[in-house]
PDB file of N, CA and C in Angstrom:
ATOM      1  N   MET A   1      30.680 -51.478  -8.315  1.00  0.00           N
ATOM      2  CA  MET A   1      30.301 -52.671  -6.860  1.00  0.00           C
ATOM      3  C   MET A   1      32.040 -51.025  -6.283  1.00  0.00           C
ATOM      4  N   GLN A   2      32.956 -50.260  -6.952  1.00  0.00           N
ATOM      5  CA  GLN A   2      33.678 -49.944  -6.877  1.00  0.00           C
ATOM      6  C   GLN A   2      32.553 -48.662  -5.485  1.00  0.00           C
ATOM      7  N   LYS A   3      32.152 -48.321  -6.250  1.00  0.00           N
ATOM      8  CA  LYS A   3      31.138 -47.021  -5.565  1.00  0.00           C
ATOM      9  C   LYS A   3      29.987 -48.027  -5.009  1.00  0.00           C
ATOM     10  N   ILE A   4      29.590 -49.007  -4.840  1.00  0.00           N
ATOM     11  CA  ILE A   4      29.188 -49.593  -3.175  1.00  0.00           C
ATOM     12  C   ILE A   4      30.002 -49.494  -2.408  1.00  0.00           C
ATOM     13  N   LYS A   5      31.182 -50.667  -2.560  1.00  0.00           N
ATOM     14  CA  LYS A   5      32.023 -49.923  -1.053  1.00  0.00           C
ATOM     15  C   LYS A   5      32.832 -48.823  -0.180  1.00  0.00           C
ATOM     16  N   SER A   6      32.921 -47.826  -1.625  1.00  0.00           N
ATOM     17  CA  SER A   6      33.327 -46.315  -1.093  1.00  0.00           C
ATOM     18  C   SER A   6      32.067 -45.840  -0.722  1.00  0.00           C
ATOM     19  N   PHE A   7      30.662 -46.227  -0.448  1.00  0.00           N
ATOM     20  CA  PHE A   7      29.483 -45.762  -0.211  1.00  0.00           C
ATOM     21  C   PHE A   7      29.591 -45.921   1.593  1.00  0.00           C
ATOM     22  N   PHE A   8      29.853 -47.800   1.296  1.00  0.00           N
ATOM     23  CA  PHE A   8      29.947 -48.682   2.112  1.00  0.00           C
ATOM     24  C   PHE A   8      31.148 -48.235   4.682  1.00  0.00           C
ATOM     25  N   ILE A   9      31.820 -47.341   2.774  1.00  0.00           N
ATOM     26  CA  ILE A   9      32.994 -47.027   3.948  1.00  0.00           C
ATOM     27  C   ILE A   9      33.016 -45.260   4.435  1.00  0.00           C
ATOM     28  N   ASN A  10      32.191 -44.805   3.547  1.00  0.00           N
ATOM     29  CA  ASN A  10      32.082 -43.350   4.369  1.00  0.00           C
ATOM     30  C   ASN A  10      31.015 -43.268   5.647  1.00  0.00           C
ATOM     31  N   LEU A  11      30.402 -44.861   5.387  1.00  0.00           N
ATOM     32  CA  LEU A  11      28.620 -44.889   6.411  1.00  0.00           C
ATOM     33  C   LEU A  11      29.680 -44.354   7.549  1.00  0.00           C
ATOM     34  N   PRO A  12      28.927 -43.703   8.768  1.00  0.00           N
ATOM     35  CA  PRO A  12      29.382 -43.821  10.190  1.00  0.00           C
ATOM     36  C   PRO A  12      29.137 -45.246  10.557  1.00  0.00           C
ATOM     37  N   PRO A  13      29.973 -45.240  12.162  1.00  0.00           N
ATOM     38  CA  PRO A  13      30.794 -46.737  12.386  1.00  0.00           C
ATOM     39  C   PRO A  13      28.893 -47.558  12.983  1.00  0.00           C
ATOM     40  N   PHE A  14      28.328 -46.450  13.514  1.00  0.00           N
ATOM     41  CA  PHE A  14      27.417 -47.053  14.144  1.00  0.00           C
ATOM     42  C   PHE A  14      25.785 -47.149  12.899  1.00  0.00           C
ATOM     43  N   PHE A  15      26.521 -47.298  12.010  1.00  0.00           N
ATOM     44  CA  PHE A  15      25.186 -47.465  10.330  1.00  0.00           C
ATOM     45  C   PHE A  15      25.556 -48.508  10.260  1.00  0.00           C
ATOM     46  N   ARG A  16      26.977 -49.181  10.360  1.00  0.00           N
ATOM     47  CA  ARG A  16      27.769 -50.273   9.555  1.00  0.00           C
ATOM     48  C   ARG A  16      27.781 -51.715  10.607  1.00  0.00           C
ATOM     49  N   ASN A  17      27.459 -51.094  11.421  1.00  0.00           N
ATOM     50  CA  ASN A  17      27.371 -52.169  12.880  1.00  0.00           C
ATOM     51  C   ASN A  17      26.070 -53.046  12.831  1.00  0.00           C
ATOM     52  N   ILE A  18      26.039 -54.594  12.046  1.00  0.00           N
ATOM     53  CA  ILE A  18      24.896 -55.544  12.249  1.00  0.00           C
ATOM     54  C   ILE A  18      23.698 -55.801  12.869  1.00  0.00           C
ATOM     55  N   PHE A  19      23.703 -55.023  14.505  1.00  0.00           N
ATOM     56  CA  PHE A  19      22.634 -55.064  15.376  1.00  0.00           C
ATOM     57  C   PHE A  19      21.905 -54.054  15.299  1.00  0.00           C
ATOM     58  N   PHE A  20      22.569 -52.169  14.872  1.00  0.00           N
ATOM     59  CA  PHE A  20      22.169 -51.518  14.420  1.00  0.00           C
ATOM     60  C   PHE A  20      21.079 -51.891  12.945  1.00  0.00           C
ATOM     61  N   LEU A  21      21.638 -52.677  12.149  1.00  0.00           N
ATOM     62  CA  LEU A  21      20.524 -52.957  11.053  1.00  0.00           C
ATOM     63  C   LEU A  21      19.643 -53.706  10.855  1.00  0.00           C
ATOM     64  N   THR A  22      20.256 -54.792  12.245  1.00  0.00           N
ATOM     65  CA  THR A  22      18.740 -55.855  11.785  1.00  0.00           C
ATOM     66  C   THR A  22      17.850 -54.972  12.932  1.00  0.00           C
ATOM     67  N   GLY A  23      18.365 -53.906  13.918  1.00  0.00           N
ATOM     68  CA  GLY A  23      17.367 -53.241  14.271  1.00  0.00           C
ATOM     69  C   GLY A  23      16.109 -52.845  13.749  1.00  0.00           C
ATOM     70  N   LEU A  24      16.985 -51.883  12.665  1.00  0.00           N
ATOM     71  CA  LEU A  24      16.494 -50.909  11.767  1.00  0.00           C
ATOM     72  C   LEU A  24      15.964 -51.944  10.808  1.00  0.00           C
ATOM     73  N   LEU A  25      15.889 -52.953  10.242  1.00  0.00           N
ATOM     74  CA  LEU A  25      14.657 -53.912   9.746  1.00  0.00           C
ATOM     75  C   LEU A  25      13.758 -54.089  10.499  1.00  0.00           C
ATOM     76  N   PHE A  26      13.992 -54.823  11.509  1.00  0.00           N
ATOM     77  CA  PHE A  26      13.247 -55.250  12.624  1.00  0.00           C
ATOM     78  C   PHE A  26      11.828 -53.780  12.774  1.00  0.00           C
ATOM     79  N   ALA A  27      12.191 -52.857  13.350  1.00  0.00           N
ATOM     80  CA  ALA A  27      11.380 -51.960  12.747  1.00  0.00           C
ATOM     81  C   ALA A  27      10.133 -51.635  11.314  1.00  0.00           C
ATOM     82  N   VAL A  28      11.576 -50.830  10.495  1.00  0.00           N
ATOM     83  CA  VAL A  28      10.903 -51.282   9.917  1.00  0.00           C
ATOM     84  C   VAL A  28       9.552 -51.911   8.738  1.00  0.00           C
ATOM     85  N   TRP A  29       9.519 -53.741   8.964  1.00  0.00           N
ATOM     86  CA  TRP A  29       8.974 -54.398   9.312  1.00  0.00           C
ATOM     87  C   TRP A  29       7.892 -54.209  10.195  1.00  0.00           C
ATOM     88  N   MET A  30       8.008 -54.306  10.725  1.00  0.00           N
ATOM     89  CA  MET A  30       7.220 -53.465  12.385  1.00  0.00           C
ATOM     90  C   MET A  30       5.936 -52.212  12.119  1.00  0.00           C
ATOM     91  N   LEU A  31       6.500 -51.704  11.762  1.00  0.00           N
ATOM     92  CA  LEU A  31       5.512 -49.753  11.151  1.00  0.00           C
ATOM     93  C   LEU A  31       5.298 -50.100   9.793  1.00  0.00           C
ATOM     94  N   PHE A  32       5.976 -50.537   9.349  1.00  0.00           N
ATOM     95  CA  PHE A  32       4.621 -50.849   7.926  1.00  0.00           C
ATOM     96  C   PHE A  32       4.738 -52.071   7.073  1.00  0.00           C
ATOM     97  N   PHE A  33       5.428 -53.123   7.565  1.00  0.00           N
ATOM     98  CA  PHE A  33       5.096 -54.709   6.751  1.00  0.00           C
ATOM     99  C   PHE A  33       4.265 -55.737   7.783  1.00  0.00           C
ATOM    100  N   ASP A  34       4.527 -55.650   9.139  1.00  0.00           N
ATOM    101  CA  ASP A  34       3.137 -56.261   9.766  1.00  0.00           C
ATOM    102  C   ASP A  34       2.289 -56.205   9.349  1.00  0.00           C
ATOM    103  N   GLU A  35       1.732 -57.266  10.315  1.00  0.00           N
ATOM    104  CA  GLU A  35      -0.178 -57.403  10.193  1.00  0.00           C
ATOM    105  C   GLU A  35      -0.461 -56.096  11.186  1.00  0.00           C
ATOM    106  N   ASN A  36      -0.392 -56.106  12.461  1.00  0.00           N
ATOM    107  CA  ASN A  36      -0.655 -54.769  13.259  1.00  0.00           C
ATOM    108  C   ASN A  36       0.297 -53.110  12.801  1.00  0.00           C
ATOM    109  N   ASN A  37       0.402 -53.646  11.372  1.00  0.00           N
ATOM    110  CA  ASN A  37       1.605 -51.923  11.366  1.00  0.00           C
ATOM    111  C   ASN A  37       0.533 -50.322  11.829  1.00  0.00           C
ATOM    112  N   LEU A  38       1.014 -49.420  11.701  1.00  0.00           N
ATOM    113  CA  LEU A  38       0.473 -48.113  12.185  1.00  0.00           C
ATOM    114  C   LEU A  38       0.201 -48.042  11.585  1.00  0.00           C
ATOM    115  N   LEU A  39      -0.795 -48.431  10.555  1.00  0.00           N
ATOM    116  CA  LEU A  39      -2.345 -47.690   9.916  1.00  0.00           C
ATOM    117  C   LEU A  39      -3.471 -49.223  10.082  1.00  0.00           C
ATOM    118  N   VAL A  40      -3.334 -50.165  11.026  1.00  0.00           N
ATOM    119  CA  VAL A  40      -4.398 -50.784  10.782  1.00  0.00           C
ATOM    120  C   VAL A  40      -4.120 -50.388  12.176  1.00  0.00           C
ATOM    121  N   GLN A  41      -3.232 -49.541  13.852  1.00  0.00           N
ATOM    122  CA  GLN A  41      -3.502 -49.345  14.204  1.00  0.00           C
ATOM    123  C   GLN A  41      -4.175 -47.648  15.076  1.00  0.00           C
ATOM    124  N   TYR A  42      -4.051 -47.510  13.809  1.00  0.00           N
ATOM    125  CA  TYR A  42      -4.458 -45.250  13.712  1.00  0.00           C
ATOM    126  C   TYR A  42      -5.604 -46.082  12.739  1.00  0.00           C
ATOM    127  N   GLY A  43      -6.667 -47.289  12.472  1.00  0.00           N
ATOM    128  CA  GLY A  43      -7.857 -47.414  12.338  1.00  0.00           C
ATOM    129  C   GLY A  43      -8.261 -47.909  13.322  1.00  0.00           C
ATOM    130  N   ARG A  44      -7.423 -49.265  14.178  1.00  0.00           N
ATOM    131  CA  ARG A  44      -8.086 -49.758  15.417  1.00  0.00           C
ATOM    132  C   ARG A  44      -8.909 -48.299  16.682  1.00  0.00           C
ATOM    133  N   ARG A  45      -7.221 -47.472  16.832  1.00  0.00           N
ATOM    134  CA  ARG A  45      -7.833 -46.472  17.608  1.00  0.00           C
ATOM    135  C   ARG A  45      -9.300 -45.605  17.581  1.00  0.00           C
ATOM    136  N   HIS A  46      -9.612 -45.113  16.639  1.00  0.00           N
ATOM    137  CA  HIS A  46     -10.433 -44.466  15.445  1.00  0.00           C
ATOM    138  C   HIS A  46     -11.892 -44.743  15.857  1.00  0.00           C
ATOM    139  N   GLU A  47     -11.432 -46.691  15.278  1.00  0.00           N
ATOM    140  CA  GLU A  47     -12.331 -47.239  15.838  1.00  0.00           C
ATOM    141  C   GLU A  47     -13.172 -47.835  16.671  1.00  0.00           C
ATOM    142  N   LEU A  48     -11.770 -47.446  18.380  1.00  0.00           N
ATOM    143  CA  LEU A  48     -11.531 -47.762  19.096  1.00  0.00           C
ATOM    144  C   LEU A  48     -13.208 -46.619  20.382  1.00  0.00           C
ATOM    145  N   ILE A  49     -12.932 -45.012  19.443  1.00  0.00           N
ATOM    146  CA  ILE A  49     -13.321 -44.036  20.143  1.00  0.00           C
ATOM    147  C   ILE A  49     -14.790 -44.153  19.874  1.00  0.00           C
ATOM    148  N   ALA A  50     -14.648 -44.501  18.563  1.00  0.00           N
ATOM    149  CA  ALA A  50     -16.413 -44.421  18.400  1.00  0.00           C
ATOM    150  C   ALA A  50     -16.979 -45.428  18.928  1.00  0.00           C
ATOM    151  N   LEU A  51     -16.576 -46.522  18.932  1.00  0.00           N
ATOM    152  CA  LEU A  51     -17.799 -47.364  19.521  1.00  0.00           C
ATOM    153  C   LEU A  51     -17.226 -46.883  21.455  1.00  0.00           C
ATOM    154  N   GLN A  52     -16.627 -46.069  21.760  1.00  0.00           N
ATOM    155  CA  GLN A  52     -16.552 -45.668  23.165  1.00  0.00           C
ATOM    156  C   GLN A  52     -17.540 -44.771  23.392  1.00  0.00           C
ATOM    157  N   LYS A  53     -17.841 -43.512  22.114  1.00  0.00           N
ATOM    158  CA  LYS A  53     -19.212 -42.553  21.807  1.00  0.00           C
ATOM    159  C   LYS A  53     -20.653 -43.107  21.835  1.00  0.00           C
ATOM    160  N   LYS A  54     -20.106 -44.277  21.071  1.00  0.00           N
ATOM    161  CA  LYS A  54     -21.476 -45.621  21.050  1.00  0.00           C
ATOM    162  C   LYS A  54     -21.900 -45.908  22.215  1.00  0.00           C
ATOM    163  N   SER A  55     -20.960 -46.516  23.097  1.00  0.00           N
ATOM    164  CA  SER A  55     -21.346 -46.716  24.437  1.00  0.00           C
ATOM    165  C   SER A  55     -21.998 -46.168  25.248  1.00  0.00           C
ATOM    166  N   ASN A  56     -21.399 -45.013  25.065  1.00  0.00           N
ATOM    167  CA  ASN A  56     -21.835 -43.774  26.342  1.00  0.00           C
ATOM    168  C   ASN A  56     -23.599 -42.990  25.594  1.00  0.00           C
ATOM    169  N   TYR A  57     -23.346 -43.415  24.856  1.00  0.00           N
ATOM    170  CA  TYR A  57     -24.836 -42.543  24.626  1.00  0.00           C
ATOM    171  C   TYR A  57     -25.671 -43.969  25.040  1.00  0.00           C
ATOM    172  N   TYR A  58     -25.640 -45.006  24.022  1.00  0.00           N
ATOM    173  CA  TYR A  58     -26.335 -45.928  24.458  1.00  0.00           C
ATOM    174  C   TYR A  58     -26.824 -46.217  26.443  1.00  0.00           C
ATOM    175  N   THR A  59     -25.422 -45.892  27.268  1.00  0.00           N
ATOM    176  CA  THR A  59     -25.577 -45.786  28.773  1.00  0.00           C
ATOM    177  C   THR A  59     -26.634 -45.014  29.298  1.00  0.00           C
ATOM    178  N   HIS A  60     -26.155 -43.435  28.445  1.00  0.00           N
ATOM    179  CA  HIS A  60     -27.263 -42.577  28.826  1.00  0.00           C
ATOM    180  C   HIS A  60     -28.766 -42.574  28.379  1.00  0.00           C
ATOM    181  N   GLU A  61     -28.638 -43.157  26.531  1.00  0.00           N
ATOM    182  CA  GLU A  61     -30.627 -43.293  26.451  1.00  0.00           C
ATOM    183  C   GLU A  61     -30.630 -44.622  27.522  1.00  0.00           C
ATOM    184  N   ILE A  62     -30.308 -45.310  28.119  1.00  0.00           N
ATOM    185  CA  ILE A  62     -30.857 -46.147  28.872  1.00  0.00           C
ATOM    186  C   ILE A  62     -31.304 -45.756  30.398  1.00  0.00           C
ATOM    187  N   THR A  63     -30.801 -44.861  31.051  1.00  0.00           N
ATOM    188  CA  THR A  63     -30.623 -45.009  32.766  1.00  0.00           C
ATOM    189  C   THR A  63     -31.922 -43.541  31.950  1.00  0.00           C
ATOM    190  N   LYS A  64     -32.122 -42.946  30.689  1.00  0.00           N
ATOM    191  CA  LYS A  64     -33.103 -41.861  30.127  1.00  0.00           C
ATOM    192  C   LYS A  64     -34.507 -42.808  30.672  1.00  0.00           C
ATOM    193  N   VAL A  65     -34.639 -43.856  29.380  1.00  0.00           N
ATOM    194  CA  VAL A  65     -35.524 -44.560  29.790  1.00  0.00           C
ATOM    195  C   VAL A  65     -36.095 -45.543  30.506  1.00  0.00           C
ATOM    196  N   GLU A  66     -34.780 -45.359  31.663  1.00  0.00           N
ATOM    197  CA  GLU A  66     -34.972 -46.526  32.998  1.00  0.00           C
ATOM    198  C   GLU A  66     -35.982 -45.464  34.616  1.00  0.00           C
ATOM    199  N   LYS A  67     -35.344 -44.180  34.224  1.00  0.00           N
ATOM    200  CA  LYS A  67     -36.190 -43.047  34.521  1.00  0.00           C
ATOM    201  C   LYS A  67     -37.064 -43.103  34.348  1.00  0.00           C
ATOM    202  N   GLN A  68     -38.213 -42.980  33.222  1.00  0.00           N
ATOM    203  CA  GLN A  68     -39.166 -43.388  32.259  1.00  0.00           C
ATOM    204  C   GLN A  68     -39.688 -44.326  32.752  1.00  0.00           C
ATOM    205  N   TYR A  69     -39.869 -45.927  33.133  1.00  0.00           N
ATOM    206  CA  TYR A  69     -39.924 -46.268  33.165  1.00  0.00           C
ATOM    207  C   TYR A  69     -40.720 -45.977  34.641  1.00  0.00           C
ATOM    208  N   GLN A  70     -39.714 -46.059  35.040  1.00  0.00           N
ATOM    209  CA  GLN A  70     -39.743 -45.957  36.868  1.00  0.00           C
ATOM    210  C   GLN A  70     -41.314 -44.892  36.840  1.00  0.00           C
ATOM    211  N   GLU A  71     -41.259 -44.030  36.396  1.00  0.00           N
ATOM    212  CA  GLU A  71     -42.326 -42.840  36.178  1.00  0.00           C
ATOM    213  C   GLU A  71     -43.929 -43.499  36.188  1.00  0.00           C
ATOM    214  N   LEU A  72     -43.674 -43.649  35.094  1.00  0.00           N
ATOM    215  CA  LEU A  72     -45.221 -44.621  34.314  1.00  0.00           C
ATOM    216  C   LEU A  72     -45.377 -45.735  35.201  1.00  0.00           C
ATOM    217  N   THR A  73     -44.336 -46.283  35.927  1.00  0.00           N
ATOM    218  CA  THR A  73     -45.098 -47.618  36.933  1.00  0.00           C
ATOM    219  C   THR A  73     -45.474 -46.538  37.957  1.00  0.00           C
ATOM    220  N   THR A  74     -45.217 -45.376  38.173  1.00  0.00           N
ATOM    221  CA  THR A  74     -45.376 -44.962  39.190  1.00  0.00           C
ATOM    222  C   THR A  74     -46.729 -44.702  39.870  1.00  0.00           C
ATOM    223  N   SER A  75     -47.400 -43.847  38.618  1.00  0.00           N
ATOM    224  CA  SER A  75     -48.832 -42.912  38.911  1.00  0.00           C
ATOM    225  C   SER A  75     -48.797 -42.899  37.490  1.00  0.00           C
ATOM    226  N   SER A  76     -50.460 -42.358  37.972  1.00  0.00           N
ATOM    227  CA  SER A  76     -51.579 -43.176  36.956  1.00  0.00           C
ATOM    228  C   SER A  76     -51.246 -41.559  35.623  1.00  0.00           C
ATOM    229  N   GLU A  77     -50.666 -40.273  36.278  1.00  0.00           N
ATOM    230  CA  GLU A  77     -50.312 -39.167  35.938  1.00  0.00           C
ATOM    231  C   GLU A  77     -49.305 -39.248  34.763  1.00  0.00           C
ATOM    232  N   SER A  78     -48.678 -39.695  34.953  1.00  0.00           N
ATOM    233  CA  SER A  78     -47.244 -39.746  34.008  1.00  0.00           C
ATOM    234  C   SER A  78     -47.719 -40.959  33.021  1.00  0.00           C
ATOM    235  N   GLN A  79     -48.814 -42.124  33.478  1.00  0.00           N
ATOM    236  CA  GLN A  79     -49.084 -43.018  32.554  1.00  0.00           C
ATOM    237  C   GLN A  79     -50.441 -41.824  31.377  1.00  0.00           C
ATOM    238  N   GLU A  80     -50.962 -40.851  32.017  1.00  0.00           N
ATOM    239  CA  GLU A  80     -51.876 -40.967  30.490  1.00  0.00           C
ATOM    240  C   GLU A  80     -50.929 -39.253  29.466  1.00  0.00           C
ATOM    241  N   LYS A  81     -50.150 -38.757  30.007  1.00  0.00           N
ATOM    242  CA  LYS A  81     -49.236 -37.520  29.489  1.00  0.00           C
ATOM    243  C   LYS A  81     -48.771 -38.449  28.356  1.00  0.00           C
ATOM    244  N   PHE A  82     -48.217 -39.540  28.921  1.00  0.00           N
ATOM    245  CA  PHE A  82     -47.335 -40.763  28.140  1.00  0.00           C
ATOM    246  C   PHE A  82     -48.375 -41.652  26.559  1.00  0.00           C
ATOM    247  N   ALA A  83     -48.915 -41.882  27.032  1.00  0.00           N
ATOM    248  CA  ALA A  83     -49.840 -42.381  26.224  1.00  0.00           C
ATOM    249  C   ALA A  83     -50.643 -40.934  25.145  1.00  0.00           C
ATOM    250  N   ARG A  84     -50.719 -39.455  26.004  1.00  0.00           N
ATOM    251  CA  ARG A  84     -51.691 -38.028  24.833  1.00  0.00           C
ATOM    252  C   ARG A  84     -50.166 -37.796  23.848  1.00  0.00           C
ATOM    253  N   GLU A  85     -49.154 -38.017  25.030  1.00  0.00           N
ATOM    254  CA  GLU A  85     -47.964 -37.589  23.865  1.00  0.00           C
ATOM    255  C   GLU A  85     -47.389 -38.601  22.644  1.00  0.00           C
ATOM    256  N   ASN A  86     -47.044 -39.747  23.072  1.00  0.00           N
ATOM    257  CA  ASN A  86     -46.741 -41.063  21.918  1.00  0.00           C
ATOM    258  C   ASN A  86     -48.298 -41.378  20.667  1.00  0.00           C
ATOM    259  N   TYR A  87     -48.874 -42.003  21.673  1.00  0.00           N
ATOM    260  CA  TYR A  87     -50.150 -42.543  21.481  1.00  0.00           C
ATOM    261  C   TYR A  87     -51.337 -41.790  20.618  1.00  0.00           C
ATOM    262  N   MET A  88     -51.088 -40.703  20.556  1.00  0.00           N
ATOM    263  CA  MET A  88     -52.052 -39.622  20.552  1.00  0.00           C
ATOM    264  C   MET A  88     -52.885 -39.813  21.288  1.00  0.00           C
ATOM    265  N   MET A  89     -53.213 -40.243  22.055  1.00  0.00           N
ATOM    266  CA  MET A  89     -54.812 -41.065  22.122  1.00  0.00           C
ATOM    267  C   MET A  89     -55.155 -40.222  23.416  1.00  0.00           C
ATOM    268  N   LYS A  90     -56.991 -39.801  23.397  1.00  0.00           N
ATOM    269  CA  LYS A  90     -57.710 -38.640  23.635  1.00  0.00           C
ATOM    270  C   LYS A  90     -58.860 -39.275  24.608  1.00  0.00           C
ATOM    271  N   LYS A  91     -59.668 -38.433  25.825  1.00  0.00           N
ATOM    272  CA  LYS A  91     -60.351 -38.922  26.349  1.00  0.00           C
ATOM    273  C   LYS A  91     -61.725 -38.298  25.185  1.00  0.00           C
ATOM    274  N   ASP A  92     -62.816 -39.094  25.569  1.00  0.00           N
ATOM    275  CA  ASP A  92     -64.756 -38.958  24.619  1.00  0.00           C
ATOM    276  C   ASP A  92     -64.320 -37.650  24.573  1.00  0.00           C
ATOM    277  N   ASN A  93     -64.710 -36.625  24.913  1.00  0.00           N
ATOM    278  CA  ASN A  93     -65.248 -35.323  24.620  1.00  0.00           C
ATOM    279  C   ASN A  93     -63.530 -34.336  24.738  1.00  0.00           C
ATOM    280  N   GLU A  94     -62.583 -34.384  23.869  1.00  0.00           N
ATOM    281  CA  GLU A  94     -61.113 -34.291  23.253  1.00  0.00           C
ATOM    282  C   GLU A  94     -61.208 -33.652  21.650  1.00  0.00           C
ATOM    283  N   ASP A  95     -60.972 -33.329  21.776  1.00  0.00           N
ATOM    284  CA  ASP A  95     -60.750 -33.456  19.363  1.00  0.00           C
ATOM    285  C   ASP A  95     -59.095 -32.947  19.602  1.00  0.00           C
ATOM    286  N   VAL A  96     -58.313 -33.393  19.032  1.00  0.00           N
ATOM    287  CA  VAL A  96     -56.568 -33.674  18.899  1.00  0.00           C
ATOM    288  C   VAL A  96     -55.644 -33.599  17.358  1.00  0.00           C
ATOM    289  N   PHE A  97     -55.362 -32.123  18.068  1.00  0.00           N
ATOM    290  CA  PHE A  97     -54.576 -31.283  16.540  1.00  0.00           C
ATOM    291  C   PHE A  97     -53.369 -31.647  16.768  1.00  0.00           C
ATOM    292  N   VAL A  98     -52.282 -32.619  15.592  1.00  0.00           N
ATOM    293  CA  VAL A  98     -51.195 -32.712  15.611  1.00  0.00           C
ATOM    294  C   VAL A  98     -50.808 -31.661  14.288  1.00  0.00           C
ATOM    295  N   ILE A  99     -49.716 -30.816  14.952  1.00  0.00           N
ATOM    296  CA  ILE A  99     -49.404 -30.088  14.506  1.00  0.00           C
ATOM    297  C   ILE A  99     -47.304 -30.107  13.661  1.00  0.00           C
ATOM    298  N   VAL A 100     -47.827 -31.125  12.334  1.00  0.00           N
ATOM    299  CA  VAL A 100     -45.595 -31.079  12.402  1.00  0.00           C
ATOM    300  C   VAL A 100     -45.612 -29.780  11.349  1.00  0.00           C
ATOM    301  N   ASN A 101     -44.100 -29.725  11.805  1.00  0.00           N
ATOM    302  CA  ASN A 101     -43.040 -28.093  11.803  1.00  0.00           C
ATOM    303  C   ASN A 101     -42.140 -29.316  10.424  1.00  0.00           C
ATOM    304  N   LYS A 102     -42.217 -28.362   9.154  1.00  0.00           N
ATOM    305  CA  LYS A 102     -41.449 -29.046   8.259  1.00  0.00           C
ATOM    306  C   LYS A 102     -39.899 -27.951   8.086  1.00  0.00           C
TER     307      LYS A 102
END
């Protein structure tokens, strides 16, 4: 008991202040034990960044598909090119050779 008293007496006065101790306890609780502690916030931040990257990717893909849709609906040459490239369609007097690179 004597060691505890001497330790407490040797502390600076602001460490013995009840408001400082309460604030320190509150800060420790919020940083480590609360439902929204630092580790949870860190994980949520990385999840947010990943979702923003996905959102940007899908927005870019949507604009690319909309542009392709506009081209397909406006000209028959682009429709023929699209059918040949994606569905391997051909004319009657043509042969199609598909080369697959490994």
